[in-house]
Amino acid sequence: MLSFTMLVVCLYFESFYHHSLLLFFVLPFTGWFIWGFTEYMMHRFVFHLESKNKNILFVRYILHGVHHHEPAKTLFVPLLLRIGVQVVTLVAFKFFFKHYAFLLFFGLEIGVIQYITVHYFIHHEKFSNYFPKLTKYHYIHHFVETDKVFGTSSLFWDKILGTLPTKDYPGMEYKKDKHFISS
């Protein structure tokens, strides 16, 4: 609901600008593309950061390690953190991109909605068949090669940056007891 509210807010403020039809489509696509890259980079280099510092390891565990430990129980970012990130991102976009900020942020939020939806579907047995390849690769990331498959809602950056699994793991779709929230 929060993301949809942000979409409406972005469209409202965007209505004060008179961008061309081309920009009205290119800027959200660019924001969506930025989200996909950000999702991949955060997952790979922040949520799987190697460190000997106990404080960094603790924060990493809270941000993402809990999800690897209990994948089906910890799917969502806490609301206050989500709102804080949205506000900071929108302010940064407004500062750097001026009157293009709302359309870029609109596309970014579409990417976030895609991420949340796909991740939810992957972890719910009755929906996981909608994304069989992503589900299987997400299993591989959780249970076999945690240093591979950092894209959750897309494998695009994994293909580009060479982090697809090293081999095909038959039977990964049967991790039901550990991986899914039951129907």
N, C-alpha and C. Protein backbone atom coordinates (compact mmCIF):
# COMPACT_ATOMS: atom_id res chain seq x y z
N MET A 1 0.82 -1.20 0.00
CA MET A 1 0.00 0.00 0.00
C MET A 1 0.87 1.26 0.00
N LEU A 2 1.95 1.20 0.77
CA LEU A 2 2.85 2.34 0.84
C LEU A 2 3.43 2.68 -0.53
N SER A 3 3.85 1.67 -1.27
CA SER A 3 4.42 1.92 -2.59
C SER A 3 3.39 2.50 -3.55
N PHE A 4 2.17 1.99 -3.49
CA PHE A 4 1.13 2.52 -4.37
C PHE A 4 0.81 3.97 -4.01
N THR A 5 0.85 4.29 -2.73
CA THR A 5 0.64 5.67 -2.30
C THR A 5 1.74 6.56 -2.87
N MET A 6 2.97 6.07 -2.84
CA MET A 6 4.09 6.84 -3.39
C MET A 6 3.94 7.03 -4.89
N LEU A 7 3.40 6.04 -5.58
CA LEU A 7 3.17 6.19 -7.02
C LEU A 7 2.18 7.32 -7.29
N VAL A 8 1.12 7.37 -6.52
CA VAL A 8 0.11 8.42 -6.69
C VAL A 8 0.71 9.79 -6.37
N VAL A 9 1.50 9.86 -5.30
CA VAL A 9 2.15 11.12 -4.92
C VAL A 9 3.07 11.59 -6.05
N CYS A 10 3.85 10.66 -6.59
CA CYS A 10 4.77 11.02 -7.69
C CYS A 10 3.99 11.54 -8.90
N LEU A 11 2.92 10.87 -9.26
CA LEU A 11 2.13 11.32 -10.41
C LEU A 11 1.49 12.68 -10.14
N TYR A 12 1.05 12.91 -8.90
CA TYR A 12 0.47 14.20 -8.56
C TYR A 12 1.50 15.32 -8.76
N PHE A 13 2.68 15.16 -8.15
CA PHE A 13 3.70 16.21 -8.27
C PHE A 13 4.24 16.31 -9.69
N GLU A 14 4.27 15.19 -10.39
CA GLU A 14 4.71 15.20 -11.79
C GLU A 14 3.78 16.04 -12.64
N SER A 15 2.51 16.10 -12.26
CA SER A 15 1.53 16.82 -13.07
C SER A 15 1.85 18.32 -13.15
N PHE A 16 2.69 18.84 -12.24
CA PHE A 16 3.07 20.25 -12.29
C PHE A 16 4.13 20.52 -13.36
N TYR A 17 4.78 19.47 -13.81
CA TYR A 17 5.78 19.59 -14.88
C TYR A 17 5.10 19.18 -16.17
N HIS A 18 5.58 19.67 -17.23
CA HIS A 18 4.98 19.33 -18.52
C HIS A 18 6.02 18.64 -19.39
N HIS A 19 6.34 17.42 -18.98
CA HIS A 19 7.33 16.64 -19.72
C HIS A 19 6.70 16.07 -20.99
N SER A 20 7.55 15.84 -21.95
CA SER A 20 7.08 15.23 -23.19
C SER A 20 6.62 13.80 -22.93
N LEU A 21 5.87 13.27 -23.87
CA LEU A 21 5.41 11.89 -23.76
C LEU A 21 6.58 10.92 -23.73
N LEU A 22 7.62 11.23 -24.47
CA LEU A 22 8.82 10.39 -24.48
C LEU A 22 9.44 10.32 -23.08
N LEU A 23 9.63 11.49 -22.45
CA LEU A 23 10.20 11.51 -21.09
C LEU A 23 9.27 10.80 -20.10
N PHE A 24 7.97 10.90 -20.33
CA PHE A 24 7.01 10.27 -19.43
C PHE A 24 7.17 8.74 -19.42
N PHE A 25 7.75 8.19 -20.46
CA PHE A 25 8.00 6.74 -20.51
C PHE A 25 9.47 6.40 -20.24
N VAL A 26 10.38 7.22 -20.73
CA VAL A 26 11.82 6.93 -20.58
C VAL A 26 12.26 7.08 -19.13
N LEU A 27 11.83 8.12 -18.44
CA LEU A 27 12.29 8.35 -17.07
C LEU A 27 11.83 7.25 -16.10
N PRO A 28 10.57 6.81 -16.12
CA PRO A 28 10.20 5.69 -15.24
C PRO A 28 10.97 4.41 -15.58
N PHE A 29 11.18 4.16 -16.87
CA PHE A 29 11.97 2.98 -17.25
C PHE A 29 13.39 3.09 -16.69
N THR A 30 13.96 4.29 -16.74
CA THR A 30 15.29 4.52 -16.18
C THR A 30 15.30 4.29 -14.68
N GLY A 31 14.28 4.78 -13.99
CA GLY A 31 14.16 4.55 -12.54
C GLY A 31 14.04 3.07 -12.21
N TRP A 32 13.27 2.35 -13.01
CA TRP A 32 13.11 0.90 -12.83
C TRP A 32 14.46 0.20 -13.04
N PHE A 33 15.20 0.63 -14.05
CA PHE A 33 16.52 0.08 -14.34
C PHE A 33 17.49 0.36 -13.19
N ILE A 34 17.45 1.57 -12.66
CA ILE A 34 18.28 1.94 -11.50
C ILE A 34 17.96 1.03 -10.32
N TRP A 35 16.66 0.77 -10.09
CA TRP A 35 16.28 -0.11 -8.99
C TRP A 35 16.89 -1.50 -9.17
N GLY A 36 16.79 -2.06 -10.36
CA GLY A 36 17.31 -3.41 -10.59
C GLY A 36 18.80 -3.49 -10.29
N PHE A 37 19.55 -2.49 -10.72
CA PHE A 37 20.98 -2.45 -10.44
C PHE A 37 21.23 -2.28 -8.94
N THR A 38 20.47 -1.41 -8.31
CA THR A 38 20.62 -1.17 -6.87
C THR A 38 20.29 -2.42 -6.07
N GLU A 39 19.21 -3.10 -6.44
CA GLU A 39 18.82 -4.35 -5.76
C GLU A 39 19.97 -5.35 -5.82
N TYR A 40 20.53 -5.53 -7.00
CA TYR A 40 21.63 -6.48 -7.18
C TYR A 40 22.85 -6.07 -6.35
N MET A 41 23.26 -4.81 -6.48
CA MET A 41 24.48 -4.34 -5.81
C MET A 41 24.34 -4.37 -4.29
N MET A 42 23.18 -3.96 -3.78
CA MET A 42 22.96 -4.01 -2.32
C MET A 42 23.01 -5.46 -1.83
N HIS A 43 22.33 -6.33 -2.54
CA HIS A 43 22.29 -7.73 -2.12
C HIS A 43 23.70 -8.33 -2.15
N ARG A 44 24.43 -8.05 -3.20
CA ARG A 44 25.75 -8.66 -3.35
C ARG A 44 26.80 -8.05 -2.42
N PHE A 45 26.87 -6.73 -2.37
CA PHE A 45 27.99 -6.08 -1.69
C PHE A 45 27.68 -5.55 -0.29
N VAL A 46 26.41 -5.44 0.08
CA VAL A 46 26.07 -5.01 1.44
C VAL A 46 25.52 -6.18 2.24
N PHE A 47 24.51 -6.86 1.71
CA PHE A 47 23.87 -7.93 2.47
C PHE A 47 24.72 -9.20 2.56
N HIS A 48 25.74 -9.33 1.73
CA HIS A 48 26.65 -10.48 1.79
C HIS A 48 28.09 -10.01 2.00
N LEU A 49 28.24 -8.85 2.63
CA LEU A 49 29.55 -8.29 2.91
C LEU A 49 30.35 -9.22 3.82
N GLU A 50 31.57 -9.51 3.40
CA GLU A 50 32.49 -10.29 4.23
C GLU A 50 33.23 -9.31 5.15
N SER A 51 33.29 -9.64 6.43
CA SER A 51 33.97 -8.77 7.39
C SER A 51 34.35 -9.57 8.62
N LYS A 52 35.35 -9.09 9.33
CA LYS A 52 35.73 -9.69 10.62
C LYS A 52 35.20 -8.83 11.76
N ASN A 53 34.67 -7.67 11.43
CA ASN A 53 34.13 -6.75 12.43
C ASN A 53 32.78 -7.28 12.93
N LYS A 54 32.69 -7.52 14.22
CA LYS A 54 31.47 -8.11 14.80
C LYS A 54 30.26 -7.19 14.66
N ASN A 55 30.47 -5.88 14.73
CA ASN A 55 29.35 -4.95 14.58
C ASN A 55 28.80 -4.97 13.16
N ILE A 56 29.69 -5.02 12.18
CA ILE A 56 29.26 -5.09 10.79
C ILE A 56 28.53 -6.41 10.54
N LEU A 57 29.07 -7.49 11.07
CA LEU A 57 28.42 -8.80 10.91
C LEU A 57 27.04 -8.82 11.56
N PHE A 58 26.92 -8.17 12.72
CA PHE A 58 25.62 -8.11 13.39
C PHE A 58 24.60 -7.34 12.55
N VAL A 59 25.00 -6.17 12.05
CA VAL A 59 24.09 -5.37 11.22
C VAL A 59 23.74 -6.14 9.95
N ARG A 60 24.72 -6.77 9.33
CA ARG A 60 24.46 -7.57 8.13
C ARG A 60 23.48 -8.70 8.44
N TYR A 61 23.64 -9.33 9.59
CA TYR A 61 22.73 -10.41 9.97
C TYR A 61 21.31 -9.88 10.17
N ILE A 62 21.18 -8.75 10.83
CA ILE A 62 19.85 -8.16 11.06
C ILE A 62 19.21 -7.77 9.74
N LEU A 63 20.00 -7.15 8.83
CA LEU A 63 19.45 -6.69 7.56
C LEU A 63 19.09 -7.83 6.62
N HIS A 64 19.90 -8.91 6.62
CA HIS A 64 19.68 -9.94 5.61
C HIS A 64 19.91 -11.37 6.10
N GLY A 65 20.82 -11.54 7.04
CA GLY A 65 21.15 -12.88 7.51
C GLY A 65 19.96 -13.60 8.12
N VAL A 66 19.11 -12.85 8.80
CA VAL A 66 17.90 -13.46 9.39
C VAL A 66 17.06 -14.09 8.29
N HIS A 67 16.98 -13.42 7.15
CA HIS A 67 16.21 -13.97 6.04
C HIS A 67 16.81 -15.28 5.54
N HIS A 68 18.13 -15.39 5.51
CA HIS A 68 18.75 -16.65 5.11
C HIS A 68 18.53 -17.74 6.15
N HIS A 69 18.49 -17.33 7.41
CA HIS A 69 18.27 -18.30 8.50
C HIS A 69 16.82 -18.78 8.53
N GLU A 70 15.89 -17.89 8.36
CA GLU A 70 14.45 -18.20 8.37
C GLU A 70 13.81 -17.56 7.14
N PRO A 71 14.05 -18.10 5.94
CA PRO A 71 13.62 -17.42 4.71
C PRO A 71 12.13 -17.13 4.62
N ALA A 72 11.32 -18.03 5.06
CA ALA A 72 9.89 -17.86 4.87
C ALA A 72 9.26 -16.94 5.91
N LYS A 73 9.99 -16.62 6.96
CA LYS A 73 9.42 -15.81 8.03
C LYS A 73 9.84 -14.35 7.99
N THR A 74 10.85 -14.04 7.21
CA THR A 74 11.39 -12.68 7.22
C THR A 74 11.50 -12.13 5.81
N LEU A 75 10.39 -11.81 5.22
CA LEU A 75 10.37 -11.37 3.83
C LEU A 75 10.40 -9.86 3.66
N PHE A 76 9.92 -9.12 4.63
CA PHE A 76 9.68 -7.71 4.39
C PHE A 76 10.59 -6.80 5.19
N VAL A 77 10.90 -5.65 4.61
CA VAL A 77 11.67 -4.63 5.28
C VAL A 77 10.74 -3.96 6.30
N PRO A 78 11.23 -3.70 7.51
CA PRO A 78 10.38 -3.00 8.50
C PRO A 78 9.87 -1.67 7.94
N LEU A 79 8.64 -1.35 8.28
CA LEU A 79 7.95 -0.19 7.71
C LEU A 79 8.72 1.12 7.91
N LEU A 80 9.20 1.38 9.12
CA LEU A 80 9.91 2.64 9.36
C LEU A 80 11.19 2.75 8.54
N LEU A 81 11.90 1.64 8.40
CA LEU A 81 13.10 1.64 7.56
C LEU A 81 12.72 1.91 6.11
N ARG A 82 11.65 1.29 5.66
CA ARG A 82 11.17 1.47 4.27
C ARG A 82 10.81 2.93 4.00
N ILE A 83 10.06 3.53 4.93
CA ILE A 83 9.67 4.93 4.78
C ILE A 83 10.90 5.83 4.79
N GLY A 84 11.83 5.56 5.69
CA GLY A 84 13.06 6.35 5.77
C GLY A 84 13.86 6.29 4.48
N VAL A 85 13.99 5.10 3.92
CA VAL A 85 14.73 4.94 2.66
C VAL A 85 14.00 5.67 1.54
N GLN A 86 12.67 5.59 1.51
CA GLN A 86 11.91 6.28 0.47
C GLN A 86 12.12 7.79 0.56
N VAL A 87 12.03 8.33 1.74
CA VAL A 87 12.18 9.79 1.91
C VAL A 87 13.59 10.23 1.50
N VAL A 88 14.61 9.53 1.99
CA VAL A 88 15.98 9.89 1.64
C VAL A 88 16.21 9.78 0.13
N THR A 89 15.69 8.73 -0.47
CA THR A 89 15.86 8.53 -1.91
C THR A 89 15.15 9.63 -2.70
N LEU A 90 13.95 9.94 -2.32
CA LEU A 90 13.20 10.98 -3.04
C LEU A 90 13.87 12.34 -2.89
N VAL A 91 14.36 12.66 -1.70
CA VAL A 91 15.07 13.93 -1.50
C VAL A 91 16.34 13.96 -2.34
N ALA A 92 17.09 12.85 -2.36
CA ALA A 92 18.31 12.78 -3.18
C ALA A 92 17.97 12.92 -4.66
N PHE A 93 16.93 12.24 -5.10
CA PHE A 93 16.51 12.36 -6.51
C PHE A 93 16.14 13.81 -6.82
N LYS A 94 15.41 14.46 -5.92
CA LYS A 94 14.99 15.84 -6.16
C LYS A 94 16.21 16.76 -6.22
N PHE A 95 17.20 16.51 -5.37
CA PHE A 95 18.41 17.32 -5.36
C PHE A 95 19.22 17.11 -6.64
N PHE A 96 19.42 15.86 -7.04
CA PHE A 96 20.29 15.56 -8.19
C PHE A 96 19.58 15.67 -9.54
N PHE A 97 18.31 15.29 -9.57
CA PHE A 97 17.63 15.21 -10.87
C PHE A 97 16.56 16.28 -11.07
N LYS A 98 16.42 17.17 -10.10
CA LYS A 98 15.51 18.32 -10.17
C LYS A 98 14.09 17.91 -10.61
N HIS A 99 13.62 18.47 -11.72
CA HIS A 99 12.25 18.24 -12.14
C HIS A 99 12.02 16.87 -12.79
N TYR A 100 13.06 16.05 -12.88
CA TYR A 100 12.89 14.67 -13.38
C TYR A 100 12.71 13.68 -12.23
N ALA A 101 12.86 14.17 -11.02
CA ALA A 101 12.89 13.29 -9.84
C ALA A 101 11.65 12.43 -9.68
N PHE A 102 10.47 12.99 -9.87
CA PHE A 102 9.25 12.24 -9.58
C PHE A 102 9.03 11.10 -10.56
N LEU A 103 9.35 11.32 -11.83
CA LEU A 103 9.20 10.23 -12.80
C LEU A 103 10.26 9.15 -12.59
N LEU A 104 11.47 9.55 -12.24
CA LEU A 104 12.51 8.56 -11.93
C LEU A 104 12.12 7.74 -10.69
N PHE A 105 11.65 8.45 -9.67
CA PHE A 105 11.25 7.77 -8.44
C PHE A 105 10.05 6.86 -8.69
N PHE A 106 9.14 7.28 -9.55
CA PHE A 106 8.00 6.46 -9.94
C PHE A 106 8.49 5.11 -10.49
N GLY A 107 9.45 5.15 -11.41
CA GLY A 107 10.01 3.92 -11.96
C GLY A 107 10.73 3.08 -10.92
N LEU A 108 11.44 3.76 -10.03
CA LEU A 108 12.12 3.05 -8.94
C LEU A 108 11.09 2.30 -8.09
N GLU A 109 10.00 2.96 -7.76
CA GLU A 109 8.95 2.32 -6.95
C GLU A 109 8.30 1.15 -7.68
N ILE A 110 8.17 1.25 -9.00
CA ILE A 110 7.67 0.11 -9.78
C ILE A 110 8.62 -1.07 -9.59
N GLY A 111 9.92 -0.81 -9.62
CA GLY A 111 10.92 -1.85 -9.39
C GLY A 111 10.80 -2.44 -7.99
N VAL A 112 10.58 -1.59 -7.00
CA VAL A 112 10.41 -2.07 -5.62
C VAL A 112 9.17 -2.96 -5.51
N ILE A 113 8.08 -2.53 -6.13
CA ILE A 113 6.86 -3.34 -6.12
C ILE A 113 7.11 -4.68 -6.80
N GLN A 114 7.82 -4.65 -7.92
CA GLN A 114 8.18 -5.90 -8.60
C GLN A 114 8.99 -6.79 -7.67
N TYR A 115 10.00 -6.23 -7.02
CA TYR A 115 10.85 -6.98 -6.11
C TYR A 115 10.04 -7.61 -4.97
N ILE A 116 9.23 -6.80 -4.31
CA ILE A 116 8.43 -7.28 -3.18
C ILE A 116 7.49 -8.39 -3.63
N THR A 117 6.83 -8.19 -4.76
CA THR A 117 5.86 -9.17 -5.27
C THR A 117 6.55 -10.48 -5.65
N VAL A 118 7.61 -10.39 -6.43
CA VAL A 118 8.31 -11.60 -6.87
C VAL A 118 8.89 -12.34 -5.67
N HIS A 119 9.50 -11.61 -4.73
CA HIS A 119 10.10 -12.26 -3.56
C HIS A 119 9.02 -12.95 -2.72
N TYR A 120 7.89 -12.30 -2.57
CA TYR A 120 6.77 -12.90 -1.85
C TYR A 120 6.30 -14.17 -2.55
N PHE A 121 6.13 -14.10 -3.86
CA PHE A 121 5.68 -15.26 -4.63
C PHE A 121 6.66 -16.42 -4.54
N ILE A 122 7.96 -16.11 -4.63
CA ILE A 122 8.99 -17.15 -4.56
C ILE A 122 8.90 -17.91 -3.24
N HIS A 123 8.57 -17.22 -2.17
CA HIS A 123 8.54 -17.84 -0.85
C HIS A 123 7.17 -18.40 -0.46
N HIS A 124 6.21 -18.37 -1.33
CA HIS A 124 4.89 -18.93 -1.06
C HIS A 124 4.61 -20.05 -2.05
N GLU A 125 4.44 -21.22 -1.54
CA GLU A 125 4.30 -22.41 -2.36
C GLU A 125 3.24 -22.27 -3.44
N LYS A 126 2.10 -21.72 -3.08
CA LYS A 126 1.01 -21.66 -4.07
C LYS A 126 1.28 -20.65 -5.19
N PHE A 127 2.25 -19.76 -5.02
CA PHE A 127 2.56 -18.77 -6.05
C PHE A 127 3.89 -19.02 -6.76
N SER A 128 4.77 -19.84 -6.19
CA SER A 128 6.13 -19.96 -6.70
C SER A 128 6.20 -20.49 -8.12
N ASN A 129 5.17 -21.20 -8.57
CA ASN A 129 5.17 -21.72 -9.94
C ASN A 129 5.07 -20.62 -10.99
N TYR A 130 4.69 -19.39 -10.58
CA TYR A 130 4.63 -18.28 -11.53
C TYR A 130 6.02 -17.88 -12.00
N PHE A 131 7.03 -18.14 -11.17
CA PHE A 131 8.40 -17.77 -11.48
C PHE A 131 9.32 -18.97 -11.23
N PRO A 132 9.18 -20.04 -12.01
CA PRO A 132 9.94 -21.27 -11.69
C PRO A 132 11.45 -21.09 -11.73
N LYS A 133 11.96 -20.37 -12.71
CA LYS A 133 13.41 -20.21 -12.81
C LYS A 133 13.93 -19.33 -11.68
N LEU A 134 13.25 -18.22 -11.42
CA LEU A 134 13.67 -17.36 -10.31
C LEU A 134 13.57 -18.10 -8.99
N THR A 135 12.52 -18.89 -8.80
CA THR A 135 12.37 -19.65 -7.56
C THR A 135 13.52 -20.62 -7.39
N LYS A 136 13.81 -21.39 -8.43
CA LYS A 136 14.90 -22.36 -8.35
C LYS A 136 16.23 -21.65 -8.06
N TYR A 137 16.51 -20.57 -8.74
CA TYR A 137 17.77 -19.86 -8.54
C TYR A 137 17.82 -19.22 -7.15
N HIS A 138 16.68 -18.78 -6.66
CA HIS A 138 16.64 -18.22 -5.31
C HIS A 138 16.93 -19.32 -4.28
N TYR A 139 16.42 -20.52 -4.50
CA TYR A 139 16.75 -21.66 -3.63
C TYR A 139 18.25 -21.89 -3.64
N ILE A 140 18.83 -21.89 -4.83
CA ILE A 140 20.28 -22.11 -4.94
C ILE A 140 21.02 -21.06 -4.12
N HIS A 141 20.57 -19.80 -4.21
CA HIS A 141 21.20 -18.73 -3.44
C HIS A 141 21.07 -18.98 -1.94
N HIS A 142 19.90 -19.41 -1.50
CA HIS A 142 19.67 -19.63 -0.07
C HIS A 142 20.41 -20.85 0.47
N PHE A 143 20.43 -21.93 -0.29
CA PHE A 143 20.83 -23.21 0.28
C PHE A 143 22.12 -23.82 -0.26
N VAL A 144 22.64 -23.36 -1.40
CA VAL A 144 23.80 -24.02 -1.99
C VAL A 144 24.94 -23.04 -2.23
N GLU A 145 24.71 -22.07 -3.08
CA GLU A 145 25.75 -21.10 -3.43
C GLU A 145 25.31 -19.70 -3.01
N THR A 146 25.57 -19.35 -1.75
CA THR A 146 25.12 -18.05 -1.25
C THR A 146 25.92 -16.89 -1.86
N ASP A 147 26.99 -17.23 -2.58
CA ASP A 147 27.77 -16.19 -3.26
C ASP A 147 27.38 -16.06 -4.73
N LYS A 148 26.21 -16.57 -5.08
CA LYS A 148 25.69 -16.48 -6.45
C LYS A 148 24.23 -16.02 -6.39
N VAL A 149 23.71 -15.62 -7.52
CA VAL A 149 22.30 -15.27 -7.73
C VAL A 149 21.84 -14.19 -6.74
N PHE A 150 22.30 -12.97 -6.96
CA PHE A 150 21.95 -11.86 -6.09
C PHE A 150 20.70 -11.11 -6.55
N GLY A 151 20.29 -11.32 -7.78
CA GLY A 151 19.06 -10.72 -8.25
C GLY A 151 17.88 -11.53 -7.75
N THR A 152 16.92 -10.88 -7.16
CA THR A 152 15.75 -11.59 -6.65
C THR A 152 14.60 -11.50 -7.64
N SER A 153 14.36 -10.31 -8.16
CA SER A 153 13.22 -10.13 -9.07
C SER A 153 13.63 -10.23 -10.53
N SER A 154 14.91 -10.43 -10.79
CA SER A 154 15.40 -10.56 -12.17
C SER A 154 16.79 -11.20 -12.13
N LEU A 155 17.11 -11.95 -13.16
CA LEU A 155 18.44 -12.54 -13.28
C LEU A 155 19.33 -11.72 -14.21
N PHE A 156 18.82 -10.58 -14.68
CA PHE A 156 19.54 -9.77 -15.66
C PHE A 156 20.97 -9.44 -15.21
N TRP A 157 21.13 -8.86 -14.02
CA TRP A 157 22.45 -8.45 -13.56
C TRP A 157 23.33 -9.65 -13.23
N ASP A 158 22.73 -10.75 -12.78
CA ASP A 158 23.51 -11.97 -12.55
C ASP A 158 24.12 -12.47 -13.86
N LYS A 159 23.36 -12.38 -14.94
CA LYS A 159 23.88 -12.78 -16.25
C LYS A 159 25.00 -11.84 -16.70
N ILE A 160 24.76 -10.55 -16.57
CA ILE A 160 25.73 -9.54 -17.01
C ILE A 160 27.03 -9.62 -16.19
N LEU A 161 26.89 -9.80 -14.87
CA LEU A 161 28.05 -9.73 -13.98
C LEU A 161 28.60 -11.11 -13.58
N GLY A 162 28.08 -12.16 -14.20
CA GLY A 162 28.66 -13.50 -14.03
C GLY A 162 28.42 -14.15 -12.68
N THR A 163 27.25 -13.94 -12.09
CA THR A 163 26.98 -14.56 -10.79
C THR A 163 25.82 -15.56 -10.84
N LEU A 164 25.62 -16.16 -12.00
CA LEU A 164 24.66 -17.26 -12.07
C LEU A 164 25.30 -18.48 -11.41
N PRO A 165 24.51 -19.47 -11.01
CA PRO A 165 25.08 -20.66 -10.36
C PRO A 165 26.10 -21.36 -11.27
N THR A 166 27.03 -22.05 -10.64
CA THR A 166 28.08 -22.74 -11.40
C THR A 166 27.55 -23.99 -12.09
N LYS A 167 26.43 -24.54 -11.60
CA LYS A 167 25.83 -25.70 -12.25
C LYS A 167 24.34 -25.72 -11.96
N ASP A 168 23.63 -26.59 -12.67
CA ASP A 168 22.20 -26.77 -12.45
C ASP A 168 22.03 -27.76 -11.31
N TYR A 169 21.20 -27.46 -10.37
CA TYR A 169 20.98 -28.34 -9.23
C TYR A 169 19.61 -28.98 -9.34
N PRO A 170 19.55 -30.21 -9.86
CA PRO A 170 18.25 -30.87 -9.96
C PRO A 170 17.67 -31.08 -8.56
N GLY A 171 16.37 -30.91 -8.46
CA GLY A 171 15.70 -31.15 -7.19
C GLY A 171 15.63 -29.96 -6.26
N MET A 172 16.19 -28.83 -6.64
CA MET A 172 16.15 -27.67 -5.76
C MET A 172 14.73 -27.19 -5.52
N GLU A 173 13.82 -27.51 -6.43
CA GLU A 173 12.44 -27.07 -6.24
C GLU A 173 11.74 -27.82 -5.12
N TYR A 174 12.44 -28.76 -4.48
CA TYR A 174 11.81 -29.55 -3.42
C TYR A 174 12.30 -29.17 -2.03
N LYS A 175 12.72 -27.97 -1.83
CA LYS A 175 13.14 -27.49 -0.51
C LYS A 175 11.94 -26.93 0.26
N LYS A 176 10.77 -27.44 -0.04
CA LYS A 176 9.51 -26.95 0.49
C LYS A 176 9.50 -26.78 2.00
N ASP A 177 9.97 -27.75 2.74
CA ASP A 177 9.88 -27.69 4.20
C ASP A 177 10.69 -26.55 4.79
N LYS A 178 11.77 -26.12 4.16
CA LYS A 178 12.59 -25.06 4.69
C LYS A 178 12.26 -23.70 4.07
N HIS A 179 11.77 -23.72 2.86
CA HIS A 179 11.76 -22.51 2.08
C HIS A 179 10.42 -21.79 2.01
N PHE A 180 9.34 -22.52 2.04
CA PHE A 180 8.04 -21.91 1.78
C PHE A 180 7.26 -21.57 3.03
N ILE A 181 6.45 -20.56 2.90
CA ILE A 181 5.38 -20.34 3.85
C ILE A 181 4.25 -21.21 3.37
N SER A 182 3.75 -22.08 4.22
CA SER A 182 2.74 -23.03 3.78
C SER A 182 1.44 -22.31 3.44
N SER A 183 0.68 -22.94 2.57
CA SER A 183 -0.56 -22.36 2.08
C SER A 183 -1.59 -22.23 3.16
